[in-house]
């Protein structure tokens, strides 16, 4: 397990032919696939998208970090689940409010 701390480390990992073992950036798991894409937390990204996500995660700007997190959630299905849970909770609250 390797922990990347700079964008240069990430670029070196991208250029390397070594595909065993995941790399981590700020708690997110990056893995190379055989077709040349990158999996980030089980979500499939092409190379350019993965580079953008890595750049955003390594940025000191908290808004860019949040944008990267939302992009990862969207791609691996977590955002859809969160929206569904929020919609169900809101529906329950509306039903309770209407019955009173």
C-alpha atoms as a PDB file:
ATOM      1  CA  UNK A   1       0.000   0.000   0.000  1.00  0.00           C
ATOM      2  CA  UNK A   2       1.419   3.350  -1.012  1.00  0.00           C
ATOM      3  CA  UNK A   3       0.271   6.786   0.062  1.00  0.00           C
ATOM      4  CA  UNK A   4       0.672   9.497  -2.523  1.00  0.00           C
ATOM      5  CA  UNK A   5       1.301  12.971  -1.269  1.00  0.00           C
ATOM      6  CA  UNK A   6       2.068  14.990  -4.375  1.00  0.00           C
ATOM      7  CA  UNK A   7       0.771  15.348  -7.890  1.00  0.00           C
ATOM      8  CA  UNK A   8       4.219  14.387  -9.186  1.00  0.00           C
ATOM      9  CA  UNK A   9       3.997  11.030  -7.354  1.00  0.00           C
ATOM     10  CA  UNK A  10       0.609  10.429  -8.951  1.00  0.00           C
ATOM     11  CA  UNK A  11       1.910  11.256 -12.437  1.00  0.00           C
ATOM     12  CA  UNK A  12       4.830   8.859 -11.918  1.00  0.00           C
ATOM     13  CA  UNK A  13       2.389   6.129 -10.869  1.00  0.00           C
ATOM     14  CA  UNK A  14       0.230   6.803 -13.946  1.00  0.00           C
ATOM     15  CA  UNK A  15       3.248   6.552 -16.287  1.00  0.00           C
ATOM     16  CA  UNK A  16       4.568   3.363 -14.699  1.00  0.00           C
ATOM     17  CA  UNK A  17       3.645  -0.009 -16.116  1.00  0.00           C
ATOM     18  CA  UNK A  18       3.274  -1.487 -12.642  1.00  0.00           C
ATOM     19  CA  UNK A  19      -0.404  -2.334 -12.093  1.00  0.00           C
ATOM     20  CA  UNK A  20      -0.330  -4.377  -8.894  1.00  0.00           C
ATOM     21  CA  UNK A  21      -1.541  -2.813  -5.714  1.00  0.00           C
ATOM     22  CA  UNK A  22      -3.684   0.257  -5.268  1.00  0.00           C
ATOM     23  CA  UNK A  23      -2.464   3.728  -4.437  1.00  0.00           C
ATOM     24  CA  UNK A  24      -4.211   6.053  -2.032  1.00  0.00           C
ATOM     25  CA  UNK A  25      -4.730   9.795  -2.219  1.00  0.00           C
ATOM     26  CA  UNK A  26      -6.419  11.405   0.772  1.00  0.00           C
ATOM     27  CA  UNK A  27      -8.127   8.129   1.678  1.00  0.00           C
ATOM     28  CA  UNK A  28      -9.316   7.322  -1.850  1.00  0.00           C
ATOM     29  CA  UNK A  29      -8.202   4.110  -3.541  1.00  0.00           C
ATOM     30  CA  UNK A  30      -6.820   4.464  -7.087  1.00  0.00           C
ATOM     31  CA  UNK A  31      -6.327   1.269  -9.117  1.00  0.00           C
ATOM     32  CA  UNK A  32      -5.212   0.746 -12.700  1.00  0.00           C
ATOM     33  CA  UNK A  33      -7.311  -1.558 -14.850  1.00  0.00           C
ATOM     34  CA  UNK A  34      -6.178  -3.644 -17.802  1.00  0.00           C
ATOM     35  CA  UNK A  35      -8.071  -1.458 -20.289  1.00  0.00           C
ATOM     36  CA  UNK A  36      -6.120   1.663 -19.266  1.00  0.00           C
ATOM     37  CA  UNK A  37      -8.773   3.281 -17.106  1.00  0.00           C
ATOM     38  CA  UNK A  38      -8.526   4.010 -13.399  1.00  0.00           C
ATOM     39  CA  UNK A  39     -10.871   2.827 -10.665  1.00  0.00           C
ATOM     40  CA  UNK A  40     -11.357   5.234  -7.787  1.00  0.00           C
ATOM     41  CA  UNK A  41     -13.264   3.725  -4.870  1.00  0.00           C
ATOM     42  CA  UNK A  42     -14.906   1.172  -7.238  1.00  0.00           C
ATOM     43  CA  UNK A  43     -15.955   3.867  -9.738  1.00  0.00           C
ATOM     44  CA  UNK A  44     -14.581   3.685 -13.295  1.00  0.00           C
ATOM     45  CA  UNK A  45     -12.790   6.815 -14.585  1.00  0.00           C
ATOM     46  CA  UNK A  46     -10.777   7.412 -17.732  1.00  0.00           C
ATOM     47  CA  UNK A  47      -7.195   8.605 -17.366  1.00  0.00           C
ATOM     48  CA  UNK A  48      -7.905  12.338 -17.756  1.00  0.00           C
ATOM     49  CA  UNK A  49     -10.774  12.247 -15.261  1.00  0.00           C
ATOM     50  CA  UNK A  50      -8.621  10.390 -12.735  1.00  0.00           C
ATOM     51  CA  UNK A  51      -5.862  12.971 -13.141  1.00  0.00           C
ATOM     52  CA  UNK A  52      -8.367  15.774 -12.561  1.00  0.00           C
ATOM     53  CA  UNK A  53      -9.765  14.040  -9.471  1.00  0.00           C
ATOM     54  CA  UNK A  54      -6.247  13.509  -8.081  1.00  0.00           C
ATOM     55  CA  UNK A  55      -5.346  17.150  -8.724  1.00  0.00           C
ATOM     56  CA  UNK A  56      -8.533  18.283  -6.971  1.00  0.00           C
ATOM     57  CA  UNK A  57      -7.949  15.985  -3.976  1.00  0.00           C
ATOM     58  CA  UNK A  58      -4.380  17.227  -3.578  1.00  0.00           C
ATOM     59  CA  UNK A  59      -5.442  20.881  -3.783  1.00  0.00           C
ATOM     60  CA  UNK A  60      -5.504  22.952  -0.587  1.00  0.00           C
ATOM     61  CA  UNK A  61      -8.861  24.393  -1.729  1.00  0.00           C
ATOM     62  CA  UNK A  62     -11.684  22.705   0.263  1.00  0.00           C
ATOM     63  CA  UNK A  63     -14.258  23.412  -2.474  1.00  0.00           C
ATOM     64  CA  UNK A  64     -12.160  21.497  -5.025  1.00  0.00           C
ATOM     65  CA  UNK A  65     -11.790  18.618  -2.554  1.00  0.00           C
ATOM     66  CA  UNK A  66     -15.568  18.532  -2.050  1.00  0.00           C
ATOM     67  CA  UNK A  67     -16.127  18.601  -5.821  1.00  0.00           C
ATOM     68  CA  UNK A  68     -13.770  15.647  -6.235  1.00  0.00           C
ATOM     69  CA  UNK A  69     -15.574  13.763  -3.460  1.00  0.00           C
ATOM     70  CA  UNK A  70     -18.973  14.375  -5.072  1.00  0.00           C
ATOM     71  CA  UNK A  71     -17.596  13.244  -8.443  1.00  0.00           C
ATOM     72  CA  UNK A  72     -16.343  10.010  -6.900  1.00  0.00           C
ATOM     73  CA  UNK A  73     -19.655   9.436  -5.111  1.00  0.00           C
ATOM     74  CA  UNK A  74     -21.539  10.057  -8.350  1.00  0.00           C
ATOM     75  CA  UNK A  75     -19.451   7.587 -10.325  1.00  0.00           C
ATOM     76  CA  UNK A  76     -19.553   4.748  -7.792  1.00  0.00           C
ATOM     77  CA  UNK A  77     -23.273   5.062  -6.975  1.00  0.00           C
ATOM     78  CA  UNK A  78     -22.959   6.586  -3.511  1.00  0.00           C
ATOM     79  CA  UNK A  79     -24.523   9.897  -4.502  1.00  0.00           C
ATOM     80  CA  UNK A  80     -27.618   8.171  -5.895  1.00  0.00           C
ATOM     81  CA  UNK A  81     -28.057   6.227  -2.662  1.00  0.00           C
ATOM     82  CA  UNK A  82     -27.650   9.379  -0.567  1.00  0.00           C
ATOM     83  CA  UNK A  83     -30.253  11.249  -2.645  1.00  0.00           C
ATOM     84  CA  UNK A  84     -32.687   8.317  -2.361  1.00  0.00           C
ATOM     85  CA  UNK A  85     -32.279   8.179   1.422  1.00  0.00           C
ATOM     86  CA  UNK A  86     -32.777  11.947   1.683  1.00  0.00           C
ATOM     87  CA  UNK A  87     -35.898  11.743  -0.523  1.00  0.00           C
ATOM     88  CA  UNK A  88     -37.375   8.947   1.615  1.00  0.00           C
ATOM     89  CA  UNK A  89     -36.719  10.884   4.822  1.00  0.00           C
ATOM     90  CA  UNK A  90     -38.291  13.991   3.297  1.00  0.00           C
ATOM     91  CA  UNK A  91     -41.325  11.968   2.160  1.00  0.00           C
ATOM     92  CA  UNK A  92     -41.764  10.545   5.663  1.00  0.00           C
ATOM     93  CA  UNK A  93     -41.579  14.039   7.157  1.00  0.00           C
ATOM     94  CA  UNK A  94     -44.165  15.354   4.665  1.00  0.00           C
ATOM     95  CA  UNK A  95     -46.537  12.454   5.466  1.00  0.00           C
ATOM     96  CA  UNK A  96     -46.156  13.085   9.207  1.00  0.00           C
ATOM     97  CA  UNK A  97     -46.755  16.818   8.712  1.00  0.00           C
ATOM     98  CA  UNK A  98     -49.867  16.248   6.567  1.00  0.00           C
ATOM     99  CA  UNK A  99     -51.454  13.818   9.066  1.00  0.00           C
ATOM    100  CA  UNK A 100     -51.275  16.343  11.896  1.00  0.00           C
END
